[in-house]
Amino acid sequence: MAIDENRQKLSQLAERAWSDEKLRNELLADPMPLLLQEGIEVPKGFDVAVLADKDSISFNYVPQRTAGGAELPEEIGRAHV
């Protein structure tokens, strides 16, 4: 999946989460099932941390702790919507 398509899906999910408190709470508590359900790809070796404040929702790719470590692909960076 193209990075732009992933970002578009993240943006759409964030928009829905603003108007649906239950969805927002689920997204903040455990984002991975919702991301997978929406067809949003998460790079192998990474988790996603979701942060929200009064103005935005941020999706941050966080490397999982592994013996060899993992590096965030440069083209992914941080998706902020």
N, C-alpha and C. Protein backbone atom coordinates (compact mmCIF):
# COMPACT_ATOMS: atom_id res chain seq x y z
N MET A 1 0.85 -1.18 0.00
CA MET A 1 0.00 0.00 0.00
C MET A 1 0.89 1.24 0.00
N ALA A 2 0.48 2.21 -0.74
CA ALA A 2 1.23 3.45 -0.82
C ALA A 2 1.12 4.23 0.48
N ILE A 3 2.18 4.94 0.81
CA ILE A 3 2.21 5.75 2.03
C ILE A 3 1.07 6.76 2.02
N ASP A 4 0.81 7.39 0.88
CA ASP A 4 -0.27 8.38 0.79
C ASP A 4 -1.63 7.76 1.08
N GLU A 5 -1.85 6.54 0.62
CA GLU A 5 -3.11 5.85 0.88
C GLU A 5 -3.26 5.56 2.37
N ASN A 6 -2.18 5.14 3.01
CA ASN A 6 -2.20 4.90 4.46
C ASN A 6 -2.53 6.19 5.20
N ARG A 7 -1.90 7.29 4.81
CA ARG A 7 -2.16 8.57 5.47
C ARG A 7 -3.61 9.01 5.28
N GLN A 8 -4.15 8.78 4.09
CA GLN A 8 -5.55 9.14 3.83
C GLN A 8 -6.47 8.33 4.75
N LYS A 9 -6.20 7.05 4.88
CA LYS A 9 -7.03 6.21 5.75
C LYS A 9 -6.90 6.64 7.21
N LEU A 10 -5.69 7.00 7.63
CA LEU A 10 -5.50 7.49 9.00
C LEU A 10 -6.29 8.78 9.21
N SER A 11 -6.26 9.66 8.23
CA SER A 11 -6.99 10.92 8.33
C SER A 11 -8.49 10.68 8.43
N GLN A 12 -9.01 9.78 7.62
CA GLN A 12 -10.43 9.46 7.66
C GLN A 12 -10.83 8.85 9.00
N LEU A 13 -9.99 7.99 9.53
CA LEU A 13 -10.26 7.38 10.83
C LEU A 13 -10.26 8.45 11.93
N ALA A 14 -9.31 9.37 11.86
CA ALA A 14 -9.25 10.46 12.85
C ALA A 14 -10.50 11.32 12.78
N GLU A 15 -10.96 11.64 11.58
CA GLU A 15 -12.19 12.44 11.43
C GLU A 15 -13.38 11.74 12.06
N ARG A 16 -13.51 10.45 11.81
CA ARG A 16 -14.63 9.69 12.41
C ARG A 16 -14.50 9.65 13.92
N ALA A 17 -13.27 9.53 14.42
CA ALA A 17 -13.06 9.45 15.87
C ALA A 17 -13.45 10.75 16.57
N TRP A 18 -13.31 11.90 15.89
CA TRP A 18 -13.70 13.17 16.50
C TRP A 18 -15.19 13.24 16.75
N SER A 19 -15.98 12.63 15.88
CA SER A 19 -17.43 12.70 16.03
C SER A 19 -18.03 11.50 16.76
N ASP A 20 -17.20 10.52 17.08
CA ASP A 20 -17.68 9.30 17.74
C ASP A 20 -16.80 9.04 18.96
N GLU A 21 -17.29 9.41 20.13
CA GLU A 21 -16.49 9.30 21.35
C GLU A 21 -16.09 7.86 21.66
N LYS A 22 -17.00 6.91 21.41
CA LYS A 22 -16.67 5.50 21.66
C LYS A 22 -15.51 5.05 20.77
N LEU A 23 -15.57 5.41 19.48
CA LEU A 23 -14.49 5.07 18.55
C LEU A 23 -13.18 5.72 19.00
N ARG A 24 -13.24 7.00 19.38
CA ARG A 24 -12.04 7.70 19.84
C ARG A 24 -11.42 7.01 21.04
N ASN A 25 -12.26 6.62 22.01
CA ASN A 25 -11.75 5.94 23.21
C ASN A 25 -11.13 4.60 22.86
N GLU A 26 -11.75 3.86 21.94
CA GLU A 26 -11.19 2.58 21.50
C GLU A 26 -9.86 2.79 20.79
N LEU A 27 -9.81 3.81 19.95
CA LEU A 27 -8.58 4.12 19.21
C LEU A 27 -7.44 4.48 20.15
N LEU A 28 -7.74 5.25 21.18
CA LEU A 28 -6.72 5.65 22.14
C LEU A 28 -6.27 4.48 23.02
N ALA A 29 -7.20 3.60 23.37
CA ALA A 29 -6.89 2.49 24.26
C ALA A 29 -6.13 1.36 23.57
N ASP A 30 -6.53 1.01 22.35
CA ASP A 30 -5.93 -0.13 21.65
C ASP A 30 -6.10 0.07 20.15
N PRO A 31 -5.21 0.83 19.52
CA PRO A 31 -5.40 1.20 18.12
C PRO A 31 -5.22 0.08 17.10
N MET A 32 -4.39 -0.90 17.39
CA MET A 32 -4.03 -1.89 16.35
C MET A 32 -5.24 -2.61 15.74
N PRO A 33 -6.20 -3.11 16.53
CA PRO A 33 -7.33 -3.79 15.89
C PRO A 33 -8.12 -2.87 14.95
N LEU A 34 -8.31 -1.62 15.33
CA LEU A 34 -9.03 -0.68 14.48
C LEU A 34 -8.25 -0.36 13.21
N LEU A 35 -6.94 -0.20 13.34
CA LEU A 35 -6.11 0.10 12.17
C LEU A 35 -6.17 -1.06 11.17
N LEU A 36 -6.05 -2.28 11.67
CA LEU A 36 -6.11 -3.44 10.79
C LEU A 36 -7.48 -3.57 10.15
N GLN A 37 -8.53 -3.31 10.92
CA GLN A 37 -9.90 -3.38 10.40
C GLN A 37 -10.11 -2.36 9.27
N GLU A 38 -9.45 -1.21 9.37
CA GLU A 38 -9.57 -0.16 8.35
C GLU A 38 -8.63 -0.38 7.16
N GLY A 39 -7.83 -1.44 7.22
CA GLY A 39 -6.90 -1.72 6.12
C GLY A 39 -5.66 -0.84 6.15
N ILE A 40 -5.33 -0.32 7.32
CA ILE A 40 -4.14 0.53 7.47
C ILE A 40 -2.96 -0.37 7.80
N GLU A 41 -1.95 -0.29 6.97
CA GLU A 41 -0.76 -1.13 7.16
C GLU A 41 0.17 -0.51 8.19
N VAL A 42 0.67 -1.37 9.07
CA VAL A 42 1.66 -0.95 10.06
C VAL A 42 2.92 -1.76 9.76
N PRO A 43 4.05 -1.09 9.59
CA PRO A 43 5.28 -1.82 9.26
C PRO A 43 5.60 -2.89 10.30
N LYS A 44 6.13 -4.00 9.83
CA LYS A 44 6.54 -5.08 10.72
C LYS A 44 7.55 -4.54 11.73
N GLY A 45 7.37 -4.92 12.99
CA GLY A 45 8.29 -4.49 14.04
C GLY A 45 7.89 -3.17 14.69
N PHE A 46 6.71 -2.65 14.36
CA PHE A 46 6.26 -1.38 14.92
C PHE A 46 4.87 -1.51 15.53
N ASP A 47 4.63 -0.72 16.54
CA ASP A 47 3.30 -0.51 17.10
C ASP A 47 2.91 0.91 16.76
N VAL A 48 1.66 1.25 17.02
CA VAL A 48 1.20 2.61 16.78
C VAL A 48 0.67 3.18 18.10
N ALA A 49 1.20 4.33 18.47
CA ALA A 49 0.71 5.06 19.64
C ALA A 49 -0.18 6.18 19.10
N VAL A 50 -1.37 6.30 19.67
CA VAL A 50 -2.30 7.34 19.25
C VAL A 50 -2.43 8.35 20.38
N LEU A 51 -2.24 9.61 20.03
CA LEU A 51 -2.35 10.70 21.00
C LEU A 51 -3.40 11.67 20.51
N ALA A 52 -4.19 12.19 21.44
CA ALA A 52 -5.21 13.17 21.06
C ALA A 52 -5.20 14.33 22.04
N ASP A 53 -5.40 15.52 21.50
CA ASP A 53 -5.61 16.69 22.33
C ASP A 53 -6.80 17.43 21.76
N LYS A 54 -7.03 18.65 22.18
CA LYS A 54 -8.23 19.35 21.72
C LYS A 54 -8.20 19.72 20.25
N ASP A 55 -7.03 19.70 19.63
CA ASP A 55 -6.91 20.13 18.24
C ASP A 55 -6.58 19.04 17.23
N SER A 56 -6.07 17.91 17.70
CA SER A 56 -5.61 16.92 16.72
C SER A 56 -5.53 15.52 17.31
N ILE A 57 -5.40 14.57 16.40
CA ILE A 57 -5.09 13.19 16.74
C ILE A 57 -3.81 12.85 15.99
N SER A 58 -2.83 12.29 16.69
CA SER A 58 -1.56 11.91 16.08
C SER A 58 -1.39 10.40 16.13
N PHE A 59 -0.91 9.85 15.03
CA PHE A 59 -0.57 8.44 14.95
C PHE A 59 0.95 8.36 14.86
N ASN A 60 1.57 7.73 15.84
CA ASN A 60 3.03 7.66 15.90
C ASN A 60 3.48 6.21 15.81
N TYR A 61 4.35 5.93 14.86
CA TYR A 61 4.92 4.59 14.73
C TYR A 61 6.04 4.45 15.76
N VAL A 62 5.91 3.40 16.58
CA VAL A 62 6.86 3.18 17.67
C VAL A 62 7.51 1.82 17.46
N PRO A 63 8.85 1.78 17.36
CA PRO A 63 9.52 0.49 17.19
C PRO A 63 9.28 -0.42 18.39
N GLN A 64 8.99 -1.67 18.10
CA GLN A 64 8.87 -2.66 19.16
C GLN A 64 10.27 -2.97 19.65
N ARG A 65 10.39 -3.28 20.90
CA ARG A 65 11.71 -3.63 21.44
C ARG A 65 12.07 -5.04 21.00
N THR A 66 13.16 -5.13 20.28
CA THR A 66 13.65 -6.42 19.81
C THR A 66 15.14 -6.50 20.09
N ALA A 67 15.68 -7.70 20.01
CA ALA A 67 17.10 -7.89 20.26
C ALA A 67 17.93 -7.10 19.26
N GLY A 68 17.52 -7.10 17.98
CA GLY A 68 18.28 -6.41 16.95
C GLY A 68 17.85 -4.98 16.74
N GLY A 69 16.73 -4.59 17.34
CA GLY A 69 16.21 -3.24 17.15
C GLY A 69 15.51 -3.13 15.81
N ALA A 70 14.77 -2.08 15.64
CA ALA A 70 14.06 -1.82 14.39
C ALA A 70 14.19 -0.34 14.07
N GLU A 71 14.27 -0.04 12.80
CA GLU A 71 14.36 1.35 12.39
C GLU A 71 13.12 1.74 11.63
N LEU A 72 12.65 2.94 11.85
CA LEU A 72 11.49 3.46 11.17
C LEU A 72 11.86 3.83 9.74
N PRO A 73 11.17 3.25 8.75
CA PRO A 73 11.47 3.62 7.38
C PRO A 73 11.31 5.13 7.19
N GLU A 74 12.27 5.75 6.52
CA GLU A 74 12.29 7.21 6.37
C GLU A 74 11.01 7.75 5.76
N GLU A 75 10.43 7.03 4.79
CA GLU A 75 9.23 7.54 4.13
C GLU A 75 7.98 7.49 4.99
N ILE A 76 8.02 6.76 6.09
CA ILE A 76 6.85 6.68 6.96
C ILE A 76 6.81 7.83 7.93
N GLY A 77 7.88 8.02 8.66
CA GLY A 77 7.93 9.14 9.60
C GLY A 77 6.76 9.15 10.54
N ARG A 78 6.18 10.32 10.72
CA ARG A 78 5.08 10.48 11.66
C ARG A 78 3.87 11.02 10.89
N ALA A 79 2.77 10.33 10.99
CA ALA A 79 1.54 10.80 10.35
C ALA A 79 0.76 11.61 11.38
N HIS A 80 0.57 12.87 11.09
CA HIS A 80 -0.15 13.76 12.00
C HIS A 80 -1.36 14.31 11.28
N VAL A 81 -2.53 14.02 11.83
CA VAL A 81 -3.77 14.51 11.19
C VAL A 81 -4.58 15.28 12.19
